[in-house]
Amino acid sequence: MKPDVLDEHFYMSAEKSFSMANYYDTRDRNGPKIFVGEWATREGDPTPNLQAALGDAAWLTGLERNSDLIIMESYAPLFVNVNAGGMQWAPD
């Protein structure tokens, strides 16, 4: 059975975020759509540093460029805003 939507999660270094900015560029457009359920560049403590912010920006440009395939995405560090006490790891 072929799913309608895949839920993919990514926690990575800034270097990995930069290198994966084109991750979805060659994905099959006839396959399932994708919900990037959680993603974040994890560098800096207790908050992300500039390198992490740039990594996030690079990764997000790839998600936006492939918006025909990526139907939703969720920036993981924002989850702490809906779950008091949810700050389980840095950066959040």
N, C-alpha and C. Protein backbone atom coordinates (compact mmCIF):
# COMPACT_ATOMS: atom_id res chain seq x y z
N MET A 1 0.84 -1.18 0.00
CA MET A 1 0.00 0.00 0.00
C MET A 1 0.89 1.25 0.00
N LYS A 2 0.57 2.19 -0.82
CA LYS A 2 1.33 3.43 -0.93
C LYS A 2 0.69 4.50 -0.03
N PRO A 3 1.46 5.07 0.90
CA PRO A 3 0.89 6.11 1.78
C PRO A 3 0.62 7.41 1.02
N ASP A 4 -0.31 8.19 1.53
CA ASP A 4 -0.59 9.50 0.94
C ASP A 4 0.46 10.53 1.34
N VAL A 5 0.93 10.43 2.61
CA VAL A 5 1.87 11.40 3.16
C VAL A 5 2.90 10.68 4.02
N LEU A 6 4.15 11.08 3.89
CA LEU A 6 5.22 10.59 4.75
C LEU A 6 5.54 11.64 5.80
N ASP A 7 5.89 11.20 7.01
CA ASP A 7 6.27 12.09 8.11
C ASP A 7 7.77 11.90 8.33
N GLU A 8 8.57 12.90 7.97
CA GLU A 8 10.02 12.80 8.08
C GLU A 8 10.53 13.80 9.11
N HIS A 9 11.55 13.40 9.87
CA HIS A 9 12.13 14.23 10.93
C HIS A 9 13.62 14.39 10.71
N PHE A 10 14.13 15.60 10.96
CA PHE A 10 15.55 15.89 10.77
C PHE A 10 16.07 16.77 11.90
N TYR A 11 17.07 16.28 12.61
CA TYR A 11 17.83 17.07 13.57
C TYR A 11 19.28 16.97 13.12
N MET A 12 19.90 18.10 12.84
CA MET A 12 21.21 18.03 12.20
C MET A 12 22.10 19.20 12.59
N SER A 13 23.36 19.05 12.26
CA SER A 13 24.32 20.13 12.46
C SER A 13 24.10 21.18 11.37
N ALA A 14 24.68 22.35 11.58
CA ALA A 14 24.58 23.40 10.57
C ALA A 14 25.21 22.94 9.27
N GLU A 15 26.34 22.28 9.35
CA GLU A 15 27.01 21.78 8.14
C GLU A 15 26.09 20.82 7.37
N LYS A 16 25.41 19.95 8.09
CA LYS A 16 24.49 19.00 7.44
C LYS A 16 23.29 19.76 6.84
N SER A 17 22.80 20.77 7.54
CA SER A 17 21.68 21.58 7.01
C SER A 17 22.05 22.21 5.68
N PHE A 18 23.27 22.76 5.61
CA PHE A 18 23.73 23.36 4.35
C PHE A 18 23.78 22.31 3.24
N SER A 19 24.33 21.15 3.56
CA SER A 19 24.50 20.13 2.52
C SER A 19 23.18 19.48 2.10
N MET A 20 22.17 19.56 2.97
CA MET A 20 20.88 18.93 2.64
C MET A 20 19.85 19.92 2.09
N ALA A 21 20.26 21.14 1.79
CA ALA A 21 19.32 22.13 1.26
C ALA A 21 18.68 21.69 -0.04
N ASN A 22 19.32 20.79 -0.74
CA ASN A 22 18.75 20.29 -2.01
C ASN A 22 18.22 18.86 -1.89
N TYR A 23 17.98 18.41 -0.68
CA TYR A 23 17.57 17.03 -0.39
C TYR A 23 16.35 16.58 -1.18
N TYR A 24 15.35 17.45 -1.32
CA TYR A 24 14.10 17.07 -1.99
C TYR A 24 14.06 17.43 -3.48
N ASP A 25 15.10 18.04 -3.99
CA ASP A 25 15.08 18.50 -5.38
C ASP A 25 14.88 17.37 -6.39
N THR A 26 15.36 16.20 -6.09
CA THR A 26 15.26 15.09 -7.05
C THR A 26 14.26 14.01 -6.61
N ARG A 27 13.47 14.30 -5.59
CA ARG A 27 12.50 13.32 -5.11
C ARG A 27 11.41 13.12 -6.15
N ASP A 28 10.93 11.89 -6.28
CA ASP A 28 9.88 11.53 -7.22
C ASP A 28 8.60 12.30 -6.92
N ARG A 29 8.13 13.07 -7.88
CA ARG A 29 6.92 13.87 -7.71
C ARG A 29 5.65 13.03 -7.81
N ASN A 30 5.76 11.76 -8.20
CA ASN A 30 4.60 10.88 -8.27
C ASN A 30 4.42 10.06 -7.01
N GLY A 31 5.36 10.19 -6.08
CA GLY A 31 5.27 9.46 -4.83
C GLY A 31 4.40 10.19 -3.83
N PRO A 32 4.42 9.73 -2.57
CA PRO A 32 3.61 10.40 -1.55
C PRO A 32 4.10 11.82 -1.27
N LYS A 33 3.20 12.67 -0.81
CA LYS A 33 3.56 14.01 -0.35
C LYS A 33 4.32 13.85 0.96
N ILE A 34 4.93 14.94 1.44
CA ILE A 34 5.78 14.84 2.63
C ILE A 34 5.41 15.92 3.64
N PHE A 35 5.28 15.49 4.88
CA PHE A 35 5.15 16.36 6.03
C PHE A 35 6.48 16.25 6.78
N VAL A 36 7.27 17.32 6.79
CA VAL A 36 8.51 17.32 7.56
C VAL A 36 8.10 17.67 8.99
N GLY A 37 7.77 16.63 9.75
CA GLY A 37 7.12 16.76 11.05
C GLY A 37 7.95 17.45 12.11
N GLU A 38 9.23 17.30 12.07
CA GLU A 38 10.12 18.00 12.98
C GLU A 38 11.43 18.24 12.26
N TRP A 39 11.97 19.43 12.40
CA TRP A 39 13.29 19.71 11.85
C TRP A 39 13.93 20.83 12.65
N ALA A 40 15.24 20.77 12.76
CA ALA A 40 15.99 21.83 13.44
C ALA A 40 17.47 21.60 13.26
N THR A 41 18.20 22.69 13.20
CA THR A 41 19.64 22.64 13.27
C THR A 41 20.00 22.76 14.75
N ARG A 42 20.71 21.78 15.27
CA ARG A 42 20.96 21.72 16.71
C ARG A 42 22.40 22.11 17.02
N GLU A 43 22.63 23.40 17.15
CA GLU A 43 23.91 23.93 17.60
C GLU A 43 23.64 25.15 18.46
N GLY A 44 24.41 25.32 19.50
CA GLY A 44 24.23 26.44 20.42
C GLY A 44 23.53 25.98 21.68
N ASP A 45 23.83 26.63 22.78
CA ASP A 45 23.24 26.25 24.07
C ASP A 45 23.23 27.46 24.98
N PRO A 46 22.12 27.90 25.46
CA PRO A 46 20.80 27.28 25.40
C PRO A 46 19.98 27.68 24.17
N THR A 47 20.48 28.64 23.40
CA THR A 47 19.75 29.04 22.20
C THR A 47 20.64 28.81 20.97
N PRO A 48 20.03 28.71 19.80
CA PRO A 48 20.83 28.50 18.59
C PRO A 48 21.81 29.63 18.34
N ASN A 49 22.93 29.30 17.73
CA ASN A 49 23.90 30.33 17.36
C ASN A 49 23.68 30.76 15.91
N LEU A 50 24.48 31.70 15.43
CA LEU A 50 24.31 32.22 14.07
C LEU A 50 24.49 31.13 13.03
N GLN A 51 25.45 30.24 13.24
CA GLN A 51 25.67 29.14 12.30
C GLN A 51 24.40 28.28 12.18
N ALA A 52 23.74 28.01 13.30
CA ALA A 52 22.50 27.23 13.29
C ALA A 52 21.40 27.98 12.55
N ALA A 53 21.32 29.28 12.77
CA ALA A 53 20.30 30.08 12.09
C ALA A 53 20.51 30.06 10.58
N LEU A 54 21.75 30.15 10.15
CA LEU A 54 22.04 30.09 8.72
C LEU A 54 21.75 28.70 8.16
N GLY A 55 22.04 27.66 8.94
CA GLY A 55 21.71 26.30 8.53
C GLY A 55 20.22 26.12 8.38
N ASP A 56 19.45 26.64 9.35
CA ASP A 56 17.99 26.58 9.26
C ASP A 56 17.50 27.29 8.01
N ALA A 57 18.07 28.45 7.72
CA ALA A 57 17.65 29.21 6.55
C ALA A 57 17.93 28.44 5.26
N ALA A 58 19.10 27.83 5.18
CA ALA A 58 19.45 27.06 3.98
C ALA A 58 18.50 25.88 3.81
N TRP A 59 18.24 25.15 4.88
CA TRP A 59 17.34 24.00 4.84
C TRP A 59 15.93 24.43 4.43
N LEU A 60 15.45 25.51 5.03
CA LEU A 60 14.10 25.98 4.75
C LEU A 60 13.93 26.43 3.30
N THR A 61 14.97 26.99 2.69
CA THR A 61 14.86 27.36 1.28
C THR A 61 14.60 26.12 0.42
N GLY A 62 15.22 25.00 0.80
CA GLY A 62 14.97 23.75 0.08
C GLY A 62 13.55 23.25 0.26
N LEU A 63 13.00 23.40 1.46
CA LEU A 63 11.61 22.99 1.69
C LEU A 63 10.66 23.87 0.89
N GLU A 64 10.91 25.17 0.89
CA GLU A 64 10.05 26.09 0.15
C GLU A 64 10.15 25.88 -1.35
N ARG A 65 11.36 25.62 -1.82
CA ARG A 65 11.56 25.38 -3.26
C ARG A 65 10.80 24.14 -3.74
N ASN A 66 10.58 23.20 -2.83
CA ASN A 66 9.91 21.96 -3.17
C ASN A 66 8.50 21.89 -2.57
N SER A 67 7.83 23.03 -2.52
CA SER A 67 6.52 23.10 -1.89
C SER A 67 5.43 22.32 -2.64
N ASP A 68 5.72 21.88 -3.86
CA ASP A 68 4.77 21.00 -4.54
C ASP A 68 4.77 19.62 -3.90
N LEU A 69 5.85 19.28 -3.21
CA LEU A 69 6.01 17.98 -2.57
C LEU A 69 5.85 18.06 -1.06
N ILE A 70 6.42 19.10 -0.47
CA ILE A 70 6.37 19.30 0.99
C ILE A 70 5.08 20.04 1.31
N ILE A 71 4.12 19.32 1.89
CA ILE A 71 2.82 19.95 2.13
C ILE A 71 2.74 20.64 3.49
N MET A 72 3.61 20.24 4.43
CA MET A 72 3.66 20.87 5.75
C MET A 72 5.05 20.68 6.32
N GLU A 73 5.42 21.57 7.24
CA GLU A 73 6.67 21.41 7.97
C GLU A 73 6.49 22.03 9.35
N SER A 74 7.27 21.54 10.29
CA SER A 74 7.15 21.99 11.67
C SER A 74 8.53 22.20 12.26
N TYR A 75 8.84 23.43 12.62
CA TYR A 75 10.13 23.76 13.22
C TYR A 75 10.12 23.29 14.67
N ALA A 76 10.88 22.27 14.97
CA ALA A 76 10.81 21.58 16.26
C ALA A 76 10.99 22.46 17.49
N PRO A 77 11.95 23.41 17.53
CA PRO A 77 12.10 24.20 18.75
C PRO A 77 10.87 25.00 19.15
N LEU A 78 9.93 25.20 18.23
CA LEU A 78 8.71 25.93 18.61
C LEU A 78 7.79 25.08 19.48
N PHE A 79 7.97 23.76 19.51
CA PHE A 79 7.13 22.91 20.34
C PHE A 79 7.21 23.29 21.81
N VAL A 80 8.33 23.84 22.24
CA VAL A 80 8.48 24.23 23.64
C VAL A 80 7.46 25.32 24.00
N ASN A 81 6.98 26.07 23.03
CA ASN A 81 6.01 27.13 23.30
C ASN A 81 4.61 26.60 23.59
N VAL A 82 4.32 25.37 23.26
CA VAL A 82 2.99 24.80 23.52
C VAL A 82 3.04 23.75 24.60
N ASN A 83 4.21 23.50 25.16
CA ASN A 83 4.36 22.49 26.19
C ASN A 83 5.28 23.04 27.28
N ALA A 84 4.67 23.70 28.25
CA ALA A 84 5.48 24.23 29.35
C ALA A 84 6.28 23.08 29.97
N GLY A 85 7.55 23.28 30.17
CA GLY A 85 8.39 22.21 30.68
C GLY A 85 8.90 21.29 29.58
N GLY A 86 8.60 21.64 28.32
CA GLY A 86 9.00 20.80 27.20
C GLY A 86 10.42 21.04 26.73
N MET A 87 11.17 21.87 27.42
CA MET A 87 12.55 22.15 27.02
C MET A 87 13.42 20.99 27.47
N GLN A 88 13.50 19.97 26.62
CA GLN A 88 14.21 18.75 26.99
C GLN A 88 15.65 18.74 26.53
N TRP A 89 16.01 19.55 25.56
CA TRP A 89 17.35 19.58 25.04
C TRP A 89 17.64 20.95 24.46
N ALA A 90 18.90 21.24 24.38
CA ALA A 90 19.31 22.52 23.80
C ALA A 90 19.60 22.32 22.33
N PRO A 91 19.35 23.23 21.48
CA PRO A 91 18.60 24.45 21.76
C PRO A 91 17.10 24.24 21.60
N ASP A 92 16.36 24.82 22.44
CA ASP A 92 14.90 24.88 22.35
C ASP A 92 14.45 26.27 22.73
